[in-house]
Amino acid sequence: MRDQVGLFKYTKPNQVLANKTSDMNNADQNSGIFMVKYPFYPSTDPNKIEADYAEIRLAEIVYMLAECKFRAGDRATAAQLLNTVRRRNYPANSASLYPAGGATLTEQEMLDEWGREFIGEGRRRIDLIRFGKFNTSTWWDKAADADDHTKIYPIPLNALNVSPQLVQNPGY
């Protein structure tokens, strides 16, 4: 962990940064705290291969079903499904569990719940796109943007060069 945020690429160890600007253009991977949800476990086996990263979790399947129920208007079942996952961290009757009728469950709360449960698992972008918030909201130093083309990625140039039938996605 570094106790500063900024671009450390050309900084020597124990050197204090002159420019401590924190934005998407001026930082690097060793700024701040690293999240480790799937740690590498110590082993003395020199041939051990670490391959236990979760592709999909049961919680993700439960959340997908909860979102479907929510979008269909069944907030009570959506809240019940979310609580099946949340109960592993909160005791019965905790204020952190959703009320039985799902009255507090809104679209924003559903999006926030996805973010809380799956923090650091690389799915926030697709959640923001699905909820229509990726380009319409402000986050960190990214302002809201009416140009919606960044919801899809550009087709790589090498793929376009190989296949003349491919056409670049709009906006790139």
Protein backbone atom coordinates (compact mmCIF):
# COMPACT_ATOMS: atom_id res chain seq x y z
CA MET A 1 0.00 0.00 0.00
CA ARG A 2 1.14 3.51 -0.75
CA ASP A 3 0.00 6.37 1.45
CA GLN A 4 -0.23 8.69 -1.56
CA VAL A 5 -2.33 8.68 -4.72
CA GLY A 6 -0.74 9.67 -8.00
CA LEU A 7 1.50 8.47 -10.80
CA PHE A 8 4.36 6.45 -9.31
CA LYS A 9 5.77 5.10 -12.57
CA TYR A 10 9.00 7.13 -12.46
CA THR A 11 9.15 7.65 -8.68
CA LYS A 12 11.96 6.08 -6.68
CA PRO A 13 11.14 4.17 -3.45
CA ASN A 14 10.47 6.46 -0.46
CA GLN A 15 10.31 9.51 -2.74
CA VAL A 16 7.40 11.88 -2.08
CA LEU A 17 5.30 12.73 -5.09
CA ALA A 18 5.31 16.34 -6.24
CA ASN A 19 2.04 15.94 -8.17
CA LYS A 20 -0.63 14.24 -6.05
CA THR A 21 -3.45 14.75 -8.54
CA SER A 22 -5.91 11.87 -8.37
CA ASP A 23 -7.89 11.36 -11.55
CA MET A 24 -8.28 8.75 -14.26
CA ASN A 25 -5.33 10.14 -16.24
CA ASN A 26 -2.88 10.52 -13.36
CA ALA A 27 -2.63 7.38 -11.25
CA ASP A 28 -1.32 3.87 -11.53
CA GLN A 29 -1.89 0.40 -10.22
CA ASN A 30 0.18 0.80 -7.09
CA SER A 31 -1.77 3.80 -5.79
CA GLY A 32 -3.94 3.25 -2.74
CA ILE A 33 -5.19 -0.03 -1.28
CA PHE A 34 -5.52 -3.24 -3.28
CA MET A 35 -8.65 -5.27 -2.91
CA VAL A 36 -8.00 -8.99 -2.55
CA LYS A 37 -11.17 -11.06 -2.74
CA TYR A 38 -9.48 -14.17 -4.07
CA PRO A 39 -6.05 -14.44 -2.41
CA PHE A 40 -3.18 -16.63 -3.46
CA TYR A 41 -2.74 -19.21 -0.74
CA PRO A 42 0.82 -20.05 0.36
CA SER A 43 2.24 -23.32 -0.82
CA THR A 44 5.64 -24.98 -0.87
CA ASP A 45 4.77 -26.89 -4.06
CA PRO A 46 6.84 -25.30 -6.89
CA ASN A 47 4.45 -26.76 -9.50
CA LYS A 48 1.25 -25.45 -7.95
CA ILE A 49 -1.01 -23.56 -10.32
CA GLU A 50 -3.43 -21.09 -8.76
CA ALA A 51 -6.72 -21.45 -10.61
CA ASP A 52 -9.40 -20.89 -8.00
CA TYR A 53 -10.83 -17.58 -9.23
CA ALA A 54 -14.63 -17.52 -9.27
CA GLU A 55 -16.17 -17.04 -12.72
CA ILE A 56 -19.68 -16.84 -11.34
CA ARG A 57 -20.97 -17.12 -7.80
CA LEU A 58 -24.26 -18.44 -6.49
CA ALA A 59 -24.89 -14.92 -5.16
CA GLU A 60 -24.75 -13.59 -8.73
CA ILE A 61 -27.42 -16.03 -9.86
CA VAL A 62 -29.61 -15.11 -6.89
CA TYR A 63 -29.13 -11.38 -7.63
CA MET A 64 -30.05 -11.92 -11.30
CA LEU A 65 -33.29 -13.60 -10.26
CA ALA A 66 -33.95 -10.85 -7.70
CA GLU A 67 -33.48 -8.18 -10.37
CA CYS A 68 -35.85 -10.04 -12.70
CA LYS A 69 -38.47 -10.21 -9.93
CA PHE A 70 -37.90 -6.52 -9.12
CA ARG A 71 -38.32 -5.46 -12.76
CA ALA A 72 -41.48 -7.59 -12.98
CA GLY A 73 -42.91 -5.66 -10.00
CA ASP A 74 -42.48 -8.38 -7.38
CA ARG A 75 -40.45 -6.41 -4.83
CA ALA A 76 -41.30 -8.74 -1.96
CA THR A 77 -39.70 -11.75 -3.67
CA ALA A 78 -36.75 -9.62 -4.83
CA ALA A 79 -36.13 -8.49 -1.23
CA GLN A 80 -36.44 -12.07 0.01
CA LEU A 81 -33.88 -13.27 -2.56
CA LEU A 82 -31.42 -10.47 -1.72
CA ASN A 83 -31.78 -11.30 1.96
CA THR A 84 -30.83 -14.93 1.32
CA VAL A 85 -27.39 -13.63 0.35
CA ARG A 86 -27.21 -10.81 2.91
CA ARG A 87 -28.01 -13.14 5.83
CA ARG A 88 -24.50 -14.59 5.73
CA ASN A 89 -23.22 -11.21 7.01
CA TYR A 90 -26.15 -9.91 9.05
CA PRO A 91 -28.04 -11.53 11.93
CA ALA A 92 -31.78 -12.11 11.81
CA ASN A 93 -33.84 -8.94 12.35
CA SER A 94 -30.87 -6.75 11.38
CA ALA A 95 -31.69 -3.30 10.00
CA SER A 96 -29.37 -4.18 7.11
CA LEU A 97 -31.82 -6.78 5.78
CA TYR A 98 -34.58 -5.66 3.43
CA PRO A 99 -38.11 -5.48 4.92
CA ALA A 100 -40.35 -8.41 3.96
CA GLY A 101 -42.56 -6.42 1.59
CA GLY A 102 -39.63 -4.90 -0.31
CA ALA A 103 -40.88 -1.34 0.25
CA THR A 104 -37.36 0.10 0.47
CA LEU A 105 -36.21 -1.60 -2.73
CA THR A 106 -35.87 0.95 -5.54
CA GLU A 107 -34.01 0.76 -8.84
CA GLN A 108 -31.15 2.82 -7.36
CA GLU A 109 -31.03 0.55 -4.30
CA MET A 110 -30.93 -2.50 -6.56
CA LEU A 111 -27.96 -1.02 -8.48
CA ASP A 112 -26.24 -0.09 -5.21
CA GLU A 113 -26.79 -3.62 -3.90
CA TRP A 114 -25.10 -5.08 -6.98
CA GLY A 115 -22.18 -2.72 -6.33
CA ARG A 116 -21.87 -3.65 -2.65
CA GLU A 117 -22.00 -7.40 -3.19
CA PHE A 118 -19.70 -7.55 -6.20
CA ILE A 119 -17.18 -4.83 -5.39
CA GLY A 120 -13.81 -5.58 -6.97
CA GLU A 121 -15.16 -8.37 -9.18
CA GLY A 122 -15.06 -6.44 -12.47
CA ARG A 123 -18.76 -6.21 -13.28
CA ARG A 124 -19.65 -2.62 -12.31
CA ARG A 125 -19.45 -1.30 -15.88
CA ILE A 126 -22.05 -3.75 -17.20
CA ASP A 127 -24.31 -3.04 -14.22
CA LEU A 128 -24.15 0.71 -14.83
CA ILE A 129 -24.92 0.17 -18.53
CA ARG A 130 -27.85 -2.15 -17.77
CA PHE A 131 -29.36 0.37 -15.34
CA GLY A 132 -28.82 3.27 -17.78
CA LYS A 133 -26.32 5.09 -15.52
CA PHE A 134 -22.98 4.55 -17.29
CA ASN A 135 -22.97 7.80 -19.27
CA THR A 136 -25.73 9.71 -17.50
CA SER A 137 -24.14 9.86 -14.04
CA THR A 138 -21.03 11.57 -12.69
CA TRP A 139 -18.46 9.40 -10.93
CA TRP A 140 -14.90 10.16 -9.82
CA ASP A 141 -13.65 12.72 -12.39
CA LYS A 142 -15.91 11.54 -15.24
CA ALA A 143 -18.73 13.95 -15.97
CA ALA A 144 -22.08 12.88 -17.40
CA ASP A 145 -21.85 12.47 -21.16
CA ALA A 146 -24.69 12.64 -23.67
CA ASP A 147 -22.60 10.68 -26.19
CA ASP A 148 -23.60 7.09 -25.51
CA HIS A 149 -21.17 5.34 -27.85
CA THR A 150 -18.86 4.22 -25.03
CA LYS A 151 -21.44 1.67 -23.86
CA ILE A 152 -19.92 -0.62 -26.47
CA TYR A 153 -16.22 -1.12 -27.10
CA PRO A 154 -14.47 -0.33 -30.38
CA ILE A 155 -13.60 -3.26 -32.60
CA PRO A 156 -9.81 -3.73 -32.49
CA LEU A 157 -7.94 -2.49 -35.57
CA ASN A 158 -6.32 -5.89 -36.20
CA ALA A 159 -9.80 -7.49 -36.37
CA LEU A 160 -11.01 -4.81 -38.80
CA ASN A 161 -7.93 -5.33 -40.98
CA VAL A 162 -8.47 -9.10 -41.14
CA SER A 163 -12.15 -8.97 -42.06
CA PRO A 164 -13.34 -6.27 -44.48
CA GLN A 165 -16.98 -7.17 -43.67
CA LEU A 166 -16.57 -5.73 -40.16
CA VAL A 167 -17.56 -2.12 -39.66
CA GLN A 168 -16.26 -0.10 -36.71
CA ASN A 169 -18.80 0.61 -33.98
CA PRO A 170 -20.25 4.12 -34.12
CA GLY A 171 -18.22 6.86 -32.43
CA TYR A 172 -14.79 5.23 -32.80
